[in-house]
Amino acid sequence: MTTNPILAEVDALPKLEAIIGALKCEQTGHIMEAILLYEESIFKLSHMAEAEPSRRQLCGKYLKMYEARARQLRDQVKGHLHSSRRLDHITIEQGARGRSYQRLLGPYLDDGVREAHLNEPHLTEPPHFRNLLNFLEVLVKNCRYLKYIRLTTRPDAVAPKNQLQMLQQMKDDLAGGNIQMNFQMDDSLHDRKIVLSSGVVIKIGRGLHYFEPAEGSYSLGLCDFDFRKCLATEVDIWKCRAFAKRLKDSEEDEYQPSKEDRSEAPATSSD
């Protein structure tokens, strides 16, 4: 692989791991994550230019470069989304069962997914985190070449430290399986959606939280969400051009999961 000339100069900008991450993500085809890391780099460079006048000229050079590249990638993604078509519309009725994440979303979670971006505004209560954890299990189990997960949520105004602790624990556990999870807070977040690098966009009216609470500590549905009763909601599934190229056979070995639990997990039905 040809060395990116920007990487050769990146030592001149210390403490900006996001820059290196953005460049590597773009080189490996992880476009969605690259955009967010470029934006993070732009934010940090702006602050560095203000705080360190001696680096202002160098920062200005890179700011223009990263702003232009991030804009190009955003336009590329927008172009893909503009040409999307709806694959399915699903109505989940109040009290329905058999709508676990595996059964509902499993058909769209496959080897073509290398990145997953999740917008879920509400992650504050224990049931919220259990729903997220169950979704992540399904995502990782189905998507063998998954490398990046980006979660955007609203900050918990009551217990922010607990929220960060729970998300950090999930991030650390995923890292043990060679999957990088980044999470960010957005006070204005409202839309709930899942965007996969394969070009699938999933919009669920209630986000991940369309299940009624388990009826008891030892009730069916505590672990297998197919037994859970659902709240009424609507699901739309869209498809556009993939945001990342599908791996070639010669590249697949490089993306093999590093955890035995991930690579040897039994297949589950998505009927």
C-alpha atoms as a PDB file:
ATOM      1  CA  MET A   1       0.000   0.000   0.000  1.00  0.00           C
ATOM      2  CA  THR A   2       1.366   3.473  -0.911  1.00  0.00           C
ATOM      3  CA  THR A   3       2.237   5.607   2.105  1.00  0.00           C
ATOM      4  CA  ASN A   4       0.024   8.680   2.485  1.00  0.00           C
ATOM      5  CA  PRO A   5       2.306  11.759   2.340  1.00  0.00           C
ATOM      6  CA  ILE A   6       0.332  13.392   5.137  1.00  0.00           C
ATOM      7  CA  LEU A   7       1.284  10.613   7.526  1.00  0.00           C
ATOM      8  CA  ALA A   8       4.956  11.468   7.062  1.00  0.00           C
ATOM      9  CA  GLU A   9       4.368  14.953   8.504  1.00  0.00           C
ATOM     10  CA  VAL A  10       1.844  14.107  11.177  1.00  0.00           C
ATOM     11  CA  ASP A  11       4.554  14.052  13.879  1.00  0.00           C
ATOM     12  CA  ALA A  12       4.564  17.834  13.667  1.00  0.00           C
ATOM     13  CA  LEU A  13       1.061  17.800  15.157  1.00  0.00           C
ATOM     14  CA  PRO A  14       1.286  15.944  18.481  1.00  0.00           C
ATOM     15  CA  LYS A  15      -1.666  14.599  20.466  1.00  0.00           C
ATOM     16  CA  LEU A  16      -3.920  14.342  17.401  1.00  0.00           C
ATOM     17  CA  GLU A  17      -4.526  10.608  17.166  1.00  0.00           C
ATOM     18  CA  ALA A  18      -7.766  11.373  15.343  1.00  0.00           C
ATOM     19  CA  ILE A  19      -5.775  12.543  12.316  1.00  0.00           C
ATOM     20  CA  ILE A  20      -3.923   9.258  12.028  1.00  0.00           C
ATOM     21  CA  GLY A  21      -7.155   7.378  12.615  1.00  0.00           C
ATOM     22  CA  ALA A  22      -8.981   9.335   9.900  1.00  0.00           C
ATOM     23  CA  LEU A  23      -6.250   8.716   7.347  1.00  0.00           C
ATOM     24  CA  LYS A  24      -6.071   5.017   8.127  1.00  0.00           C
ATOM     25  CA  CYS A  25      -9.859   4.675   8.010  1.00  0.00           C
ATOM     26  CA  GLU A  26      -9.952   6.306   4.596  1.00  0.00           C
ATOM     27  CA  GLN A  27      -7.142   4.097   3.320  1.00  0.00           C
ATOM     28  CA  THR A  28      -8.977   0.969   4.454  1.00  0.00           C
ATOM     29  CA  GLY A  29     -12.333   2.126   3.090  1.00  0.00           C
ATOM     30  CA  HIS A  30     -14.042   3.008   6.392  1.00  0.00           C
ATOM     31  CA  ILE A  31     -15.473   6.219   5.004  1.00  0.00           C
ATOM     32  CA  MET A  32     -18.117   7.030   7.623  1.00  0.00           C
ATOM     33  CA  GLU A  33     -15.703   6.747  10.520  1.00  0.00           C
ATOM     34  CA  ALA A  34     -13.092   8.728   8.553  1.00  0.00           C
ATOM     35  CA  ILE A  35     -15.494  11.673   8.204  1.00  0.00           C
ATOM     36  CA  LEU A  36     -16.114  11.863  11.950  1.00  0.00           C
ATOM     37  CA  LEU A  37     -12.421  11.567  12.755  1.00  0.00           C
ATOM     38  CA  TYR A  38     -11.589  14.308  10.254  1.00  0.00           C
ATOM     39  CA  GLU A  39     -14.198  16.513  11.937  1.00  0.00           C
ATOM     40  CA  GLU A  40     -12.698  15.751  15.331  1.00  0.00           C
ATOM     41  CA  SER A  41      -9.252  16.640  13.972  1.00  0.00           C
ATOM     42  CA  ILE A  42     -10.555  19.924  12.559  1.00  0.00           C
ATOM     43  CA  PHE A  43     -12.008  20.858  15.953  1.00  0.00           C
ATOM     44  CA  LYS A  44      -8.747  20.054  17.766  1.00  0.00           C
ATOM     45  CA  LEU A  45      -6.590  21.826  15.189  1.00  0.00           C
ATOM     46  CA  SER A  46      -8.689  24.981  15.530  1.00  0.00           C
ATOM     47  CA  HIS A  47      -8.116  25.004  19.266  1.00  0.00           C
ATOM     48  CA  MET A  48      -4.415  24.238  18.832  1.00  0.00           C
ATOM     49  CA  ALA A  49      -4.005  27.167  16.434  1.00  0.00           C
ATOM     50  CA  GLU A  50      -5.557  29.499  18.989  1.00  0.00           C
ATOM     51  CA  ALA A  51      -3.563  28.157  21.934  1.00  0.00           C
ATOM     52  CA  GLU A  52      -0.175  27.857  20.190  1.00  0.00           C
ATOM     53  CA  PRO A  53       0.581  30.807  17.876  1.00  0.00           C
ATOM     54  CA  SER A  54       3.851  29.171  16.796  1.00  0.00           C
ATOM     55  CA  ARG A  55       1.867  26.372  15.173  1.00  0.00           C
ATOM     56  CA  ARG A  56      -0.821  28.578  13.645  1.00  0.00           C
ATOM     57  CA  GLN A  57       0.544  28.480  10.104  1.00  0.00           C
ATOM     58  CA  LEU A  58       1.046  24.703  10.168  1.00  0.00           C
ATOM     59  CA  CYS A  59      -2.399  24.155  11.666  1.00  0.00           C
ATOM     60  CA  GLY A  60      -3.964  26.423   9.060  1.00  0.00           C
ATOM     61  CA  LYS A  61      -2.428  24.342   6.285  1.00  0.00           C
ATOM     62  CA  TYR A  62      -3.872  21.117   7.669  1.00  0.00           C
ATOM     63  CA  LEU A  63      -7.212  22.704   8.546  1.00  0.00           C
ATOM     64  CA  LYS A  64      -7.837  23.587   4.907  1.00  0.00           C
ATOM     65  CA  MET A  65      -6.755  20.126   3.821  1.00  0.00           C
ATOM     66  CA  TYR A  66      -8.946  18.245   6.290  1.00  0.00           C
ATOM     67  CA  GLU A  67     -11.944  20.513   5.799  1.00  0.00           C
ATOM     68  CA  ALA A  68     -11.764  19.933   2.055  1.00  0.00           C
ATOM     69  CA  ARG A  69     -11.387  16.174   2.444  1.00  0.00           C
ATOM     70  CA  ALA A  70     -14.193  15.888   4.990  1.00  0.00           C
ATOM     71  CA  ARG A  71     -16.455  17.887   2.671  1.00  0.00           C
ATOM     72  CA  GLN A  72     -15.635  15.586  -0.254  1.00  0.00           C
ATOM     73  CA  LEU A  73     -16.421  12.493   1.793  1.00  0.00           C
ATOM     74  CA  ARG A  74     -19.663  13.984   3.146  1.00  0.00           C
ATOM     75  CA  ASP A  75     -20.761  14.797  -0.409  1.00  0.00           C
ATOM     76  CA  GLN A  76     -19.941  11.216  -1.395  1.00  0.00           C
ATOM     77  CA  VAL A  77     -22.102   9.827   1.410  1.00  0.00           C
ATOM     78  CA  LYS A  78     -24.936  12.261   0.646  1.00  0.00           C
ATOM     79  CA  GLY A  79     -24.836  11.170  -2.982  1.00  0.00           C
ATOM     80  CA  HIS A  80     -25.219   7.547  -1.923  1.00  0.00           C
ATOM     81  CA  LEU A  81     -28.109   8.349   0.415  1.00  0.00           C
ATOM     82  CA  HIS A  82     -29.852  10.449  -2.225  1.00  0.00           C
ATOM     83  CA  SER A  83     -30.102   7.407  -4.488  1.00  0.00           C
ATOM     84  CA  SER A  84     -31.462   5.117  -1.753  1.00  0.00           C
ATOM     85  CA  ARG A  85     -34.590   3.014  -2.159  1.00  0.00           C
ATOM     86  CA  ARG A  86     -36.831   1.521   0.492  1.00  0.00           C
ATOM     87  CA  LEU A  87     -36.413  -2.219   0.891  1.00  0.00           C
ATOM     88  CA  ASP A  88     -39.082  -2.848   3.484  1.00  0.00           C
ATOM     89  CA  HIS A  89     -41.617  -1.291   5.820  1.00  0.00           C
ATOM     90  CA  ILE A  90     -42.509  -3.263   8.928  1.00  0.00           C
ATOM     91  CA  THR A  91     -45.261  -2.511  11.405  1.00  0.00           C
ATOM     92  CA  ILE A  92     -44.726  -3.892  14.902  1.00  0.00           C
ATOM     93  CA  GLU A  93     -48.001  -4.068  16.781  1.00  0.00           C
ATOM     94  CA  GLN A  94     -48.452  -3.500  20.489  1.00  0.00           C
ATOM     95  CA  GLY A  95     -47.807  -6.714  22.410  1.00  0.00           C
ATOM     96  CA  ALA A  96     -46.277  -8.564  19.441  1.00  0.00           C
ATOM     97  CA  ARG A  97     -43.519 -11.109  20.086  1.00  0.00           C
ATOM     98  CA  GLY A  98     -40.817 -12.610  17.879  1.00  0.00           C
ATOM     99  CA  ARG A  99     -39.233  -9.270  16.974  1.00  0.00           C
ATOM    100  CA  SER A 100     -35.765  -9.582  18.487  1.00  0.00           C
ATOM    101  CA  TYR A 101     -32.903  -7.664  16.914  1.00  0.00           C
ATOM    102  CA  GLN A 102     -31.704 -10.912  15.364  1.00  0.00           C
ATOM    103  CA  ARG A 103     -35.044 -11.721  13.775  1.00  0.00           C
ATOM    104  CA  LEU A 104     -35.807  -8.150  12.706  1.00  0.00           C
ATOM    105  CA  LEU A 105     -32.375  -6.948  11.583  1.00  0.00           C
ATOM    106  CA  GLY A 106     -30.385 -10.159  11.107  1.00  0.00           C
ATOM    107  CA  PRO A 107     -30.999 -10.389   7.335  1.00  0.00           C
ATOM    108  CA  TYR A 108     -29.186  -7.062   6.879  1.00  0.00           C
ATOM    109  CA  LEU A 109     -26.235  -7.802   9.168  1.00  0.00           C
ATOM    110  CA  ASP A 110     -23.680  -9.749   7.127  1.00  0.00           C
ATOM    111  CA  ASP A 111     -20.043  -9.910   6.037  1.00  0.00           C
ATOM    112  CA  GLY A 112     -20.459  -6.744   3.974  1.00  0.00           C
ATOM    113  CA  VAL A 113     -20.758  -4.660   7.140  1.00  0.00           C
ATOM    114  CA  ARG A 114     -17.425  -3.216   8.268  1.00  0.00           C
ATOM    115  CA  GLU A 115     -18.788  -0.111   9.999  1.00  0.00           C
ATOM    116  CA  ALA A 116     -21.994   0.525  11.919  1.00  0.00           C
ATOM    117  CA  HIS A 117     -23.192   3.946  13.034  1.00  0.00           C
ATOM    118  CA  LEU A 118     -25.970   4.067  15.602  1.00  0.00           C
ATOM    119  CA  ASN A 119     -27.951   7.149  16.603  1.00  0.00           C
ATOM    120  CA  GLU A 120     -29.843   6.366  19.820  1.00  0.00           C
ATOM    121  CA  PRO A 121     -30.886   9.453  21.817  1.00  0.00           C
ATOM    122  CA  HIS A 122     -31.945   7.639  24.968  1.00  0.00           C
ATOM    123  CA  LEU A 123     -29.266   5.750  26.900  1.00  0.00           C
ATOM    124  CA  THR A 124     -29.797   6.560  30.549  1.00  0.00           C
ATOM    125  CA  GLU A 125     -31.708   3.723  32.239  1.00  0.00           C
ATOM    126  CA  PRO A 126     -30.566   0.112  32.876  1.00  0.00           C
ATOM    127  CA  PRO A 127     -33.059  -1.301  30.303  1.00  0.00           C
ATOM    128  CA  HIS A 128     -31.594   1.071  27.710  1.00  0.00           C
ATOM    129  CA  PHE A 129     -28.090  -0.291  28.244  1.00  0.00           C
ATOM    130  CA  ARG A 130     -29.330  -3.899  28.195  1.00  0.00           C
ATOM    131  CA  ASN A 131     -31.022  -3.226  24.851  1.00  0.00           C
ATOM    132  CA  LEU A 132     -27.826  -1.691  23.488  1.00  0.00           C
ATOM    133  CA  LEU A 133     -25.725  -4.591  24.730  1.00  0.00           C
ATOM    134  CA  ASN A 134     -28.066  -7.134  23.139  1.00  0.00           C
ATOM    135  CA  PHE A 135     -27.967  -5.236  19.839  1.00  0.00           C
ATOM    136  CA  LEU A 136     -24.159  -5.123  19.916  1.00  0.00           C
ATOM    137  CA  GLU A 137     -24.041  -8.881  20.519  1.00  0.00           C
ATOM    138  CA  VAL A 138     -26.231  -9.488  17.460  1.00  0.00           C
ATOM    139  CA  LEU A 139     -24.217  -7.023  15.378  1.00  0.00           C
ATOM    140  CA  VAL A 140     -20.843  -8.548  16.237  1.00  0.00           C
ATOM    141  CA  LYS A 141     -22.069 -12.118  15.868  1.00  0.00           C
ATOM    142  CA  ASN A 142     -23.467 -11.544  12.382  1.00  0.00           C
ATOM    143  CA  CYS A 143     -20.854  -9.186  10.930  1.00  0.00           C
ATOM    144  CA  ARG A 144     -17.563 -11.101  10.851  1.00  0.00           C
ATOM    145  CA  TYR A 145     -15.528  -8.235   9.388  1.00  0.00           C
ATOM    146  CA  LEU A 146     -16.924  -5.452  11.558  1.00  0.00           C
ATOM    147  CA  LYS A 147     -14.156  -3.043  12.603  1.00  0.00           C
ATOM    148  CA  TYR A 148     -15.796   0.207  13.716  1.00  0.00           C
ATOM    149  CA  ILE A 149     -18.905   1.115  15.690  1.00  0.00           C
ATOM    150  CA  ARG A 150     -19.863   4.747  16.179  1.00  0.00           C
ATOM    151  CA  LEU A 151     -22.558   5.524  18.768  1.00  0.00           C
ATOM    152  CA  THR A 152     -24.152   8.945  19.129  1.00  0.00           C
ATOM    153  CA  THR A 153     -26.486   9.636  22.043  1.00  0.00           C
ATOM    154  CA  ARG A 154     -27.677  12.413  24.318  1.00  0.00           C
ATOM    155  CA  PRO A 155     -25.737  13.017  27.523  1.00  0.00           C
ATOM    156  CA  ASP A 156     -27.416  11.902  30.729  1.00  0.00           C
ATOM    157  CA  ALA A 157     -28.215  15.086  32.631  1.00  0.00           C
ATOM    158  CA  VAL A 158     -28.809  13.191  35.891  1.00  0.00           C
ATOM    159  CA  ALA A 159     -26.022  10.588  36.010  1.00  0.00           C
ATOM    160  CA  PRO A 160     -23.440  11.417  33.311  1.00  0.00           C
ATOM    161  CA  LYS A 161     -20.626   9.496  35.012  1.00  0.00           C
ATOM    162  CA  ASN A 162     -22.684   6.308  35.100  1.00  0.00           C
ATOM    163  CA  GLN A 163     -23.567   6.678  31.415  1.00  0.00           C
ATOM    164  CA  LEU A 164     -19.931   7.134  30.433  1.00  0.00           C
ATOM    165  CA  GLN A 165     -18.869   4.229  32.618  1.00  0.00           C
ATOM    166  CA  MET A 166     -21.372   1.858  31.010  1.00  0.00           C
ATOM    167  CA  LEU A 167     -20.390   2.896  27.475  1.00  0.00           C
ATOM    168  CA  GLN A 168     -16.685   2.698  28.264  1.00  0.00           C
ATOM    169  CA  GLN A 169     -17.138  -0.834  29.586  1.00  0.00           C
ATOM    170  CA  MET A 170     -18.761  -1.888  26.305  1.00  0.00           C
ATOM    171  CA  LYS A 171     -16.025  -0.129  24.338  1.00  0.00           C
ATOM    172  CA  ASP A 172     -13.294  -1.935  26.270  1.00  0.00           C
ATOM    173  CA  ASP A 173     -14.966  -5.305  25.802  1.00  0.00           C
ATOM    174  CA  LEU A 174     -15.356  -4.761  22.042  1.00  0.00           C
ATOM    175  CA  ALA A 175     -11.707  -3.747  21.797  1.00  0.00           C
ATOM    176  CA  GLY A 176     -10.795  -7.218  23.062  1.00  0.00           C
ATOM    177  CA  GLY A 177     -12.446  -8.560  19.902  1.00  0.00           C
ATOM    178  CA  ASN A 178     -10.528  -6.143  17.648  1.00  0.00           C
ATOM    179  CA  ILE A 179     -13.526  -3.840  17.179  1.00  0.00           C
ATOM    180  CA  GLN A 180     -13.169  -0.127  17.823  1.00  0.00           C
ATOM    181  CA  MET A 181     -16.197   1.581  19.300  1.00  0.00           C
ATOM    182  CA  ASN A 182     -16.320   5.363  19.575  1.00  0.00           C
ATOM    183  CA  PHE A 183     -19.149   7.216  21.258  1.00  0.00           C
ATOM    184  CA  GLN A 184     -20.061  10.869  21.253  1.00  0.00           C
ATOM    185  CA  MET A 185     -22.668  13.068  22.924  1.00  0.00           C
ATOM    186  CA  ASP A 186     -25.108  15.342  21.097  1.00  0.00           C
ATOM    187  CA  ASP A 187     -27.614  17.381  23.128  1.00  0.00           C
ATOM    188  CA  SER A 188     -29.768  18.007  20.062  1.00  0.00           C
ATOM    189  CA  LEU A 189     -29.957  14.396  18.840  1.00  0.00           C
ATOM    190  CA  HIS A 190     -33.477  13.282  18.008  1.00  0.00           C
ATOM    191  CA  ASP A 191     -33.400  10.963  14.997  1.00  0.00           C
ATOM    192  CA  ARG A 192     -32.995   7.249  15.647  1.00  0.00           C
ATOM    193  CA  LYS A 193     -31.240   5.284  12.934  1.00  0.00           C
ATOM    194  CA  ILE A 194     -28.661   2.622  12.180  1.00  0.00           C
ATOM    195  CA  VAL A 195     -26.376   3.187   9.184  1.00  0.00           C
ATOM    196  CA  LEU A 196     -24.316   0.251   7.934  1.00  0.00           C
ATOM    197  CA  SER A 197     -21.319   0.564   5.615  1.00  0.00           C
ATOM    198  CA  SER A 198     -22.988  -1.953   3.302  1.00  0.00           C
ATOM    199  CA  GLY A 199     -25.444   0.823   2.372  1.00  0.00           C
ATOM    200  CA  VAL A 200     -28.343  -0.307   4.566  1.00  0.00           C
ATOM    201  CA  VAL A 201     -30.080   2.374   6.642  1.00  0.00           C
ATOM    202  CA  ILE A 202     -32.518   1.227   9.325  1.00  0.00           C
ATOM    203  CA  LYS A 203     -34.971   3.614  10.962  1.00  0.00           C
ATOM    204  CA  ILE A 204     -37.032   2.385  13.914  1.00  0.00           C
ATOM    205  CA  GLY A 205     -39.599   4.770  15.354  1.00  0.00           C
ATOM    206  CA  ARG A 206     -38.655   3.913  18.934  1.00  0.00           C
ATOM    207  CA  GLY A 207     -34.988   3.255  18.228  1.00  0.00           C
ATOM    208  CA  LEU A 208     -33.638   0.237  20.078  1.00  0.00           C
ATOM    209  CA  HIS A 209     -36.224   0.577  22.822  1.00  0.00           C
ATOM    210  CA  TYR A 210     -39.305  -1.043  21.329  1.00  0.00           C
ATOM    211  CA  PHE A 211     -39.540  -3.817  23.920  1.00  0.00           C
ATOM    212  CA  GLU A 212     -41.709  -3.917  27.013  1.00  0.00           C
ATOM    213  CA  PRO A 213     -39.764  -4.638  30.215  1.00  0.00           C
ATOM    214  CA  ALA A 214     -39.324  -8.289  31.148  1.00  0.00           C
ATOM    215  CA  GLU A 215     -42.231  -9.375  33.338  1.00  0.00           C
ATOM    216  CA  GLY A 216     -40.041 -10.840  36.089  1.00  0.00           C
ATOM    217  CA  SER A 217     -36.521 -11.723  37.095  1.00  0.00           C
ATOM    218  CA  TYR A 218     -36.932 -15.268  35.730  1.00  0.00           C
ATOM    219  CA  SER A 219     -39.422 -14.675  32.919  1.00  0.00           C
ATOM    220  CA  LEU A 220     -38.979 -15.825  29.336  1.00  0.00           C
ATOM    221  CA  GLY A 221     -37.570 -12.934  27.390  1.00  0.00           C
ATOM    222  CA  LEU A 222     -34.980 -11.928  29.943  1.00  0.00           C
ATOM    223  CA  CYS A 223     -32.201 -13.213  27.643  1.00  0.00           C
ATOM    224  CA  ASP A 224     -33.932 -14.150  24.390  1.00  0.00           C
ATOM    225  CA  PHE A 225     -35.695 -11.027  23.155  1.00  0.00           C
ATOM    226  CA  ASP A 226     -37.943 -13.037  20.815  1.00  0.00           C
ATOM    227  CA  PHE A 227     -40.052 -13.761  23.906  1.00  0.00           C
ATOM    228  CA  ARG A 228     -40.394 -10.096  24.801  1.00  0.00           C
ATOM    229  CA  LYS A 229     -43.608  -8.221  24.148  1.00  0.00           C
ATOM    230  CA  CYS A 230     -43.115  -5.198  21.916  1.00  0.00           C
ATOM    231  CA  LEU A 231     -44.350  -1.633  21.964  1.00  0.00           C
ATOM    232  CA  ALA A 232     -46.064  -0.429  18.798  1.00  0.00           C
ATOM    233  CA  THR A 233     -43.651   1.101  16.292  1.00  0.00           C
ATOM    234  CA  GLU A 234     -42.769   1.361  12.615  1.00  0.00           C
ATOM    235  CA  VAL A 235     -39.563   0.194  10.910  1.00  0.00           C
ATOM    236  CA  ASP A 236     -38.233   1.410   7.554  1.00  0.00           C
ATOM    237  CA  ILE A 237     -35.242  -0.203   5.885  1.00  0.00           C
ATOM    238  CA  TRP A 238     -33.483   1.602   3.047  1.00  0.00           C
ATOM    239  CA  LYS A 239     -30.676   0.582   0.701  1.00  0.00           C
ATOM    240  CA  CYS A 240     -28.166   2.710  -1.179  1.00  0.00           C
ATOM    241  CA  ARG A 241     -24.706   2.155  -2.614  1.00  0.00           C
ATOM    242  CA  ALA A 242     -22.255   0.742  -0.109  1.00  0.00           C
ATOM    243  CA  PHE A 243     -20.087   3.282   1.738  1.00  0.00           C
ATOM    244  CA  ALA A 244     -17.154   0.838   1.768  1.00  0.00           C
ATOM    245  CA  LYS A 245     -15.994  -1.617  -0.859  1.00  0.00           C
ATOM    246  CA  ARG A 246     -16.570  -5.256  -0.081  1.00  0.00           C
ATOM    247  CA  LEU A 247     -13.403  -7.088   0.958  1.00  0.00           C
ATOM    248  CA  LYS A 248     -11.594  -9.132  -1.662  1.00  0.00           C
ATOM    249  CA  ASP A 249     -10.879 -12.768  -0.871  1.00  0.00           C
ATOM    250  CA  SER A 250      -7.177 -11.970  -0.430  1.00  0.00           C
ATOM    251  CA  GLU A 251      -8.006  -9.335   2.194  1.00  0.00           C
ATOM    252  CA  GLU A 252     -10.414 -11.349   4.316  1.00  0.00           C
ATOM    253  CA  ASP A 253      -7.708 -13.061   6.350  1.00  0.00           C
ATOM    254  CA  GLU A 254      -6.523  -9.661   7.616  1.00  0.00           C
ATOM    255  CA  TYR A 255      -9.974  -8.971   9.025  1.00  0.00           C
ATOM    256  CA  GLN A 256     -10.564 -12.236  10.789  1.00  0.00           C
ATOM    257  CA  PRO A 257     -11.835 -11.681  14.355  1.00  0.00           C
ATOM    258  CA  SER A 258      -9.257 -12.191  17.074  1.00  0.00           C
ATOM    259  CA  LYS A 259     -11.620 -13.639  19.688  1.00  0.00           C
ATOM    260  CA  GLU A 260     -12.511 -17.312  19.547  1.00  0.00           C
ATOM    261  CA  ASP A 261     -15.979 -16.490  20.836  1.00  0.00           C
ATOM    262  CA  ARG A 262     -16.550 -14.266  17.829  1.00  0.00           C
ATOM    263  CA  SER A 263     -15.129 -16.505  15.119  1.00  0.00           C
ATOM    264  CA  GLU A 264     -16.684 -19.714  16.433  1.00  0.00           C
ATOM    265  CA  ALA A 265     -20.075 -18.393  17.475  1.00  0.00           C
ATOM    266  CA  PRO A 266     -22.858 -20.626  16.113  1.00  0.00           C
ATOM    267  CA  ALA A 267     -25.012 -19.218  13.367  1.00  0.00           C
ATOM    268  CA  THR A 268     -28.481 -18.066  14.369  1.00  0.00           C
ATOM    269  CA  SER A 269     -31.641 -18.076  12.332  1.00  0.00           C
ATOM    270  CA  SER A 270     -32.826 -14.766  10.888  1.00  0.00           C
ATOM    271  CA  ASP A 271     -36.204 -16.048   9.805  1.00  0.00           C
END
